[in-house]
Amino acid sequence: MGTKSVRLDDDVYDYIEAHKRDDETFSDAVARLTRRSSITDLAGLLNSEDVETMRDAIDEADEADAEEVREVRERLRDS
């Protein structure tokens, strides 16, 4: 793989240098800091208890939404 020289403003260079990890080259740091996030970056972020709590909250919200839809449907039928 080849190399290229690039010009960076001092503030950009300082930012990269401040966020560069000890085990990274400057190129590694630039690659990491400029790559797009992926959904796989979230893997392992939540533990199973957090996931279960979120699923329960989603299920409750879905039930509440379904009930509201049923109520609106009944009101429209009665009108």
N, C-alpha and C. Protein backbone atom coordinates (compact mmCIF):
# COMPACT_ATOMS: atom_id res chain seq x y z
N MET A 1 0.85 -1.17 0.00
CA MET A 1 0.00 0.00 0.00
C MET A 1 0.90 1.24 0.00
N GLY A 2 0.55 2.19 -0.81
CA GLY A 2 1.34 3.41 -0.93
C GLY A 2 1.03 4.41 0.17
N THR A 3 1.69 5.52 0.12
CA THR A 3 1.44 6.59 1.09
C THR A 3 1.20 7.88 0.34
N LYS A 4 0.55 8.80 1.00
CA LYS A 4 0.27 10.13 0.46
C LYS A 4 0.59 11.15 1.54
N SER A 5 0.99 12.30 1.12
CA SER A 5 1.18 13.42 2.04
C SER A 5 -0.05 14.30 1.94
N VAL A 6 -0.55 14.73 3.09
CA VAL A 6 -1.71 15.63 3.10
C VAL A 6 -1.42 16.79 4.03
N ARG A 7 -2.06 17.91 3.75
CA ARG A 7 -1.92 19.08 4.60
C ARG A 7 -3.14 19.14 5.52
N LEU A 8 -2.88 19.36 6.78
CA LEU A 8 -3.95 19.48 7.75
C LEU A 8 -3.82 20.82 8.48
N ASP A 9 -4.96 21.43 8.75
CA ASP A 9 -4.94 22.61 9.60
C ASP A 9 -4.48 22.18 10.98
N ASP A 10 -3.88 23.11 11.71
CA ASP A 10 -3.35 22.78 13.03
C ASP A 10 -4.41 22.20 13.96
N ASP A 11 -5.63 22.77 13.91
CA ASP A 11 -6.67 22.27 14.81
C ASP A 11 -7.09 20.85 14.47
N VAL A 12 -7.09 20.50 13.20
CA VAL A 12 -7.43 19.14 12.78
C VAL A 12 -6.34 18.18 13.23
N TYR A 13 -5.11 18.55 13.01
CA TYR A 13 -3.98 17.73 13.44
C TYR A 13 -4.02 17.51 14.95
N ASP A 14 -4.26 18.58 15.70
CA ASP A 14 -4.32 18.49 17.16
C ASP A 14 -5.44 17.56 17.61
N TYR A 15 -6.57 17.63 16.92
CA TYR A 15 -7.70 16.75 17.26
C TYR A 15 -7.32 15.29 17.04
N ILE A 16 -6.73 15.00 15.89
CA ILE A 16 -6.34 13.61 15.61
C ILE A 16 -5.30 13.14 16.61
N GLU A 17 -4.33 13.97 16.88
CA GLU A 17 -3.29 13.61 17.82
C GLU A 17 -3.86 13.36 19.22
N ALA A 18 -4.81 14.17 19.64
CA ALA A 18 -5.42 14.02 20.96
C ALA A 18 -6.25 12.75 21.06
N HIS A 19 -6.81 12.29 19.94
CA HIS A 19 -7.68 11.11 19.96
C HIS A 19 -6.98 9.84 19.48
N LYS A 20 -5.71 9.96 19.14
CA LYS A 20 -4.94 8.80 18.69
C LYS A 20 -4.63 7.92 19.89
N ARG A 21 -4.87 6.64 19.72
CA ARG A 21 -4.57 5.68 20.78
C ARG A 21 -3.07 5.37 20.77
N ASP A 22 -2.58 4.95 21.92
CA ASP A 22 -1.14 4.67 22.04
C ASP A 22 -0.65 3.62 21.06
N ASP A 23 -1.50 2.66 20.76
CA ASP A 23 -1.09 1.56 19.89
C ASP A 23 -1.38 1.81 18.41
N GLU A 24 -1.80 3.03 18.05
CA GLU A 24 -2.17 3.36 16.68
C GLU A 24 -1.09 4.20 16.00
N THR A 25 -0.99 3.99 14.71
CA THR A 25 -0.23 4.94 13.91
C THR A 25 -1.16 6.12 13.63
N PHE A 26 -0.61 7.19 13.11
CA PHE A 26 -1.44 8.34 12.75
C PHE A 26 -2.45 7.94 11.69
N SER A 27 -2.03 7.12 10.72
CA SER A 27 -2.95 6.65 9.68
C SER A 27 -4.07 5.81 10.28
N ASP A 28 -3.73 4.95 11.24
CA ASP A 28 -4.76 4.15 11.91
C ASP A 28 -5.79 5.05 12.58
N ALA A 29 -5.30 6.08 13.25
CA ALA A 29 -6.19 7.00 13.95
C ALA A 29 -7.11 7.73 12.98
N VAL A 30 -6.57 8.20 11.86
CA VAL A 30 -7.38 8.88 10.85
C VAL A 30 -8.44 7.92 10.31
N ALA A 31 -8.05 6.69 10.02
CA ALA A 31 -9.01 5.71 9.49
C ALA A 31 -10.12 5.45 10.50
N ARG A 32 -9.76 5.28 11.77
CA ARG A 32 -10.78 5.00 12.79
C ARG A 32 -11.69 6.20 13.00
N LEU A 33 -11.13 7.39 13.04
CA LEU A 33 -11.93 8.59 13.33
C LEU A 33 -12.81 9.01 12.17
N THR A 34 -12.50 8.56 10.96
CA THR A 34 -13.28 8.99 9.80
C THR A 34 -14.19 7.91 9.25
N ARG A 35 -14.12 6.69 9.81
CA ARG A 35 -14.98 5.64 9.26
C ARG A 35 -16.42 5.84 9.74
N ARG A 36 -17.33 5.36 8.93
CA ARG A 36 -18.75 5.44 9.28
C ARG A 36 -19.07 4.39 10.31
N SER A 37 -19.98 4.71 11.19
CA SER A 37 -20.41 3.75 12.20
C SER A 37 -21.24 2.66 11.55
N SER A 38 -21.20 1.51 12.17
CA SER A 38 -21.97 0.36 11.72
C SER A 38 -22.82 -0.14 12.86
N ILE A 39 -23.92 -0.77 12.55
CA ILE A 39 -24.78 -1.33 13.59
C ILE A 39 -24.01 -2.35 14.42
N THR A 40 -23.03 -2.99 13.81
CA THR A 40 -22.26 -3.99 14.56
C THR A 40 -21.38 -3.34 15.62
N ASP A 41 -21.15 -2.03 15.52
CA ASP A 41 -20.40 -1.34 16.56
C ASP A 41 -21.16 -1.33 17.89
N LEU A 42 -22.46 -1.59 17.83
CA LEU A 42 -23.27 -1.59 19.05
C LEU A 42 -23.29 -2.94 19.75
N ALA A 43 -22.72 -3.95 19.12
CA ALA A 43 -22.71 -5.30 19.70
C ALA A 43 -22.07 -5.27 21.08
N GLY A 44 -22.75 -5.88 22.04
CA GLY A 44 -22.22 -5.97 23.39
C GLY A 44 -22.45 -4.74 24.23
N LEU A 45 -23.11 -3.73 23.68
CA LEU A 45 -23.32 -2.48 24.41
C LEU A 45 -24.29 -2.67 25.58
N LEU A 46 -25.32 -3.50 25.37
CA LEU A 46 -26.32 -3.74 26.40
C LEU A 46 -26.19 -5.15 26.95
N ASN A 47 -26.45 -5.28 28.25
CA ASN A 47 -26.47 -6.63 28.80
C ASN A 47 -27.87 -7.21 28.64
N SER A 48 -28.03 -8.49 28.94
CA SER A 48 -29.30 -9.17 28.68
C SER A 48 -30.44 -8.58 29.52
N GLU A 49 -30.14 -8.09 30.70
CA GLU A 49 -31.19 -7.47 31.53
C GLU A 49 -31.69 -6.18 30.88
N ASP A 50 -30.77 -5.37 30.36
CA ASP A 50 -31.16 -4.14 29.66
C ASP A 50 -32.02 -4.46 28.43
N VAL A 51 -31.62 -5.48 27.69
CA VAL A 51 -32.36 -5.87 26.49
C VAL A 51 -33.77 -6.32 26.88
N GLU A 52 -33.89 -7.12 27.92
CA GLU A 52 -35.21 -7.60 28.36
C GLU A 52 -36.09 -6.43 28.81
N THR A 53 -35.50 -5.48 29.53
CA THR A 53 -36.25 -4.29 29.96
C THR A 53 -36.76 -3.51 28.76
N MET A 54 -35.91 -3.36 27.75
CA MET A 54 -36.32 -2.63 26.55
C MET A 54 -37.41 -3.38 25.79
N ARG A 55 -37.26 -4.71 25.69
CA ARG A 55 -38.29 -5.50 25.01
C ARG A 55 -39.64 -5.38 25.72
N ASP A 56 -39.61 -5.44 27.06
CA ASP A 56 -40.85 -5.29 27.82
C ASP A 56 -41.49 -3.93 27.58
N ALA A 57 -40.67 -2.88 27.56
CA ALA A 57 -41.20 -1.53 27.32
C ALA A 57 -41.79 -1.43 25.92
N ILE A 58 -41.15 -2.02 24.94
CA ILE A 58 -41.67 -2.00 23.57
C ILE A 58 -42.98 -2.77 23.49
N ASP A 59 -43.04 -3.94 24.13
CA ASP A 59 -44.27 -4.72 24.13
C ASP A 59 -45.42 -3.95 24.77
N GLU A 60 -45.15 -3.27 25.90
CA GLU A 60 -46.18 -2.48 26.57
C GLU A 60 -46.65 -1.33 25.68
N ALA A 61 -45.72 -0.67 25.01
CA ALA A 61 -46.08 0.43 24.12
C ALA A 61 -46.91 -0.09 22.95
N ASP A 62 -46.53 -1.25 22.41
CA ASP A 62 -47.30 -1.85 21.31
C ASP A 62 -48.72 -2.16 21.75
N GLU A 63 -48.87 -2.71 22.95
CA GLU A 63 -50.20 -3.02 23.47
C GLU A 63 -51.03 -1.75 23.66
N ALA A 64 -50.40 -0.72 24.21
CA ALA A 64 -51.11 0.55 24.40
C ALA A 64 -51.54 1.13 23.06
N ASP A 65 -50.67 1.06 22.06
CA ASP A 65 -51.01 1.56 20.73
C ASP A 65 -52.16 0.76 20.13
N ALA A 66 -52.11 -0.55 20.27
CA ALA A 66 -53.17 -1.40 19.73
C ALA A 66 -54.50 -1.10 20.41
N GLU A 67 -54.47 -0.88 21.71
CA GLU A 67 -55.70 -0.54 22.44
C GLU A 67 -56.25 0.79 21.97
N GLU A 68 -55.38 1.76 21.76
CA GLU A 68 -55.84 3.06 21.29
C GLU A 68 -56.46 2.94 19.90
N VAL A 69 -55.88 2.14 19.04
CA VAL A 69 -56.44 1.93 17.70
C VAL A 69 -57.82 1.30 17.81
N ARG A 70 -57.96 0.30 18.70
CA ARG A 70 -59.28 -0.33 18.89
C ARG A 70 -60.31 0.69 19.36
N GLU A 71 -59.93 1.55 20.30
CA GLU A 71 -60.85 2.56 20.82
C GLU A 71 -61.26 3.55 19.73
N VAL A 72 -60.32 3.99 18.92
CA VAL A 72 -60.64 4.92 17.83
C VAL A 72 -61.56 4.24 16.83
N ARG A 73 -61.28 2.98 16.50
CA ARG A 73 -62.12 2.24 15.56
C ARG A 73 -63.55 2.15 16.08
N GLU A 74 -63.70 1.85 17.37
CA GLU A 74 -65.04 1.76 17.97
C GLU A 74 -65.74 3.10 17.93
N ARG A 75 -65.04 4.18 18.23
CA ARG A 75 -65.66 5.52 18.19
C ARG A 75 -66.10 5.86 16.79
N LEU A 76 -65.31 5.49 15.79
CA LEU A 76 -65.67 5.78 14.41
C LEU A 76 -66.88 4.96 13.97
N ARG A 77 -66.97 3.73 14.44
CA ARG A 77 -68.14 2.91 14.13
C ARG A 77 -69.41 3.47 14.74
N ASP A 78 -69.29 4.02 15.94
CA ASP A 78 -70.45 4.54 16.66
C ASP A 78 -70.88 5.91 16.14
N SER A 79 -70.05 6.57 15.32
CA SER A 79 -70.41 7.90 14.84
C SER A 79 -71.40 7.85 13.72
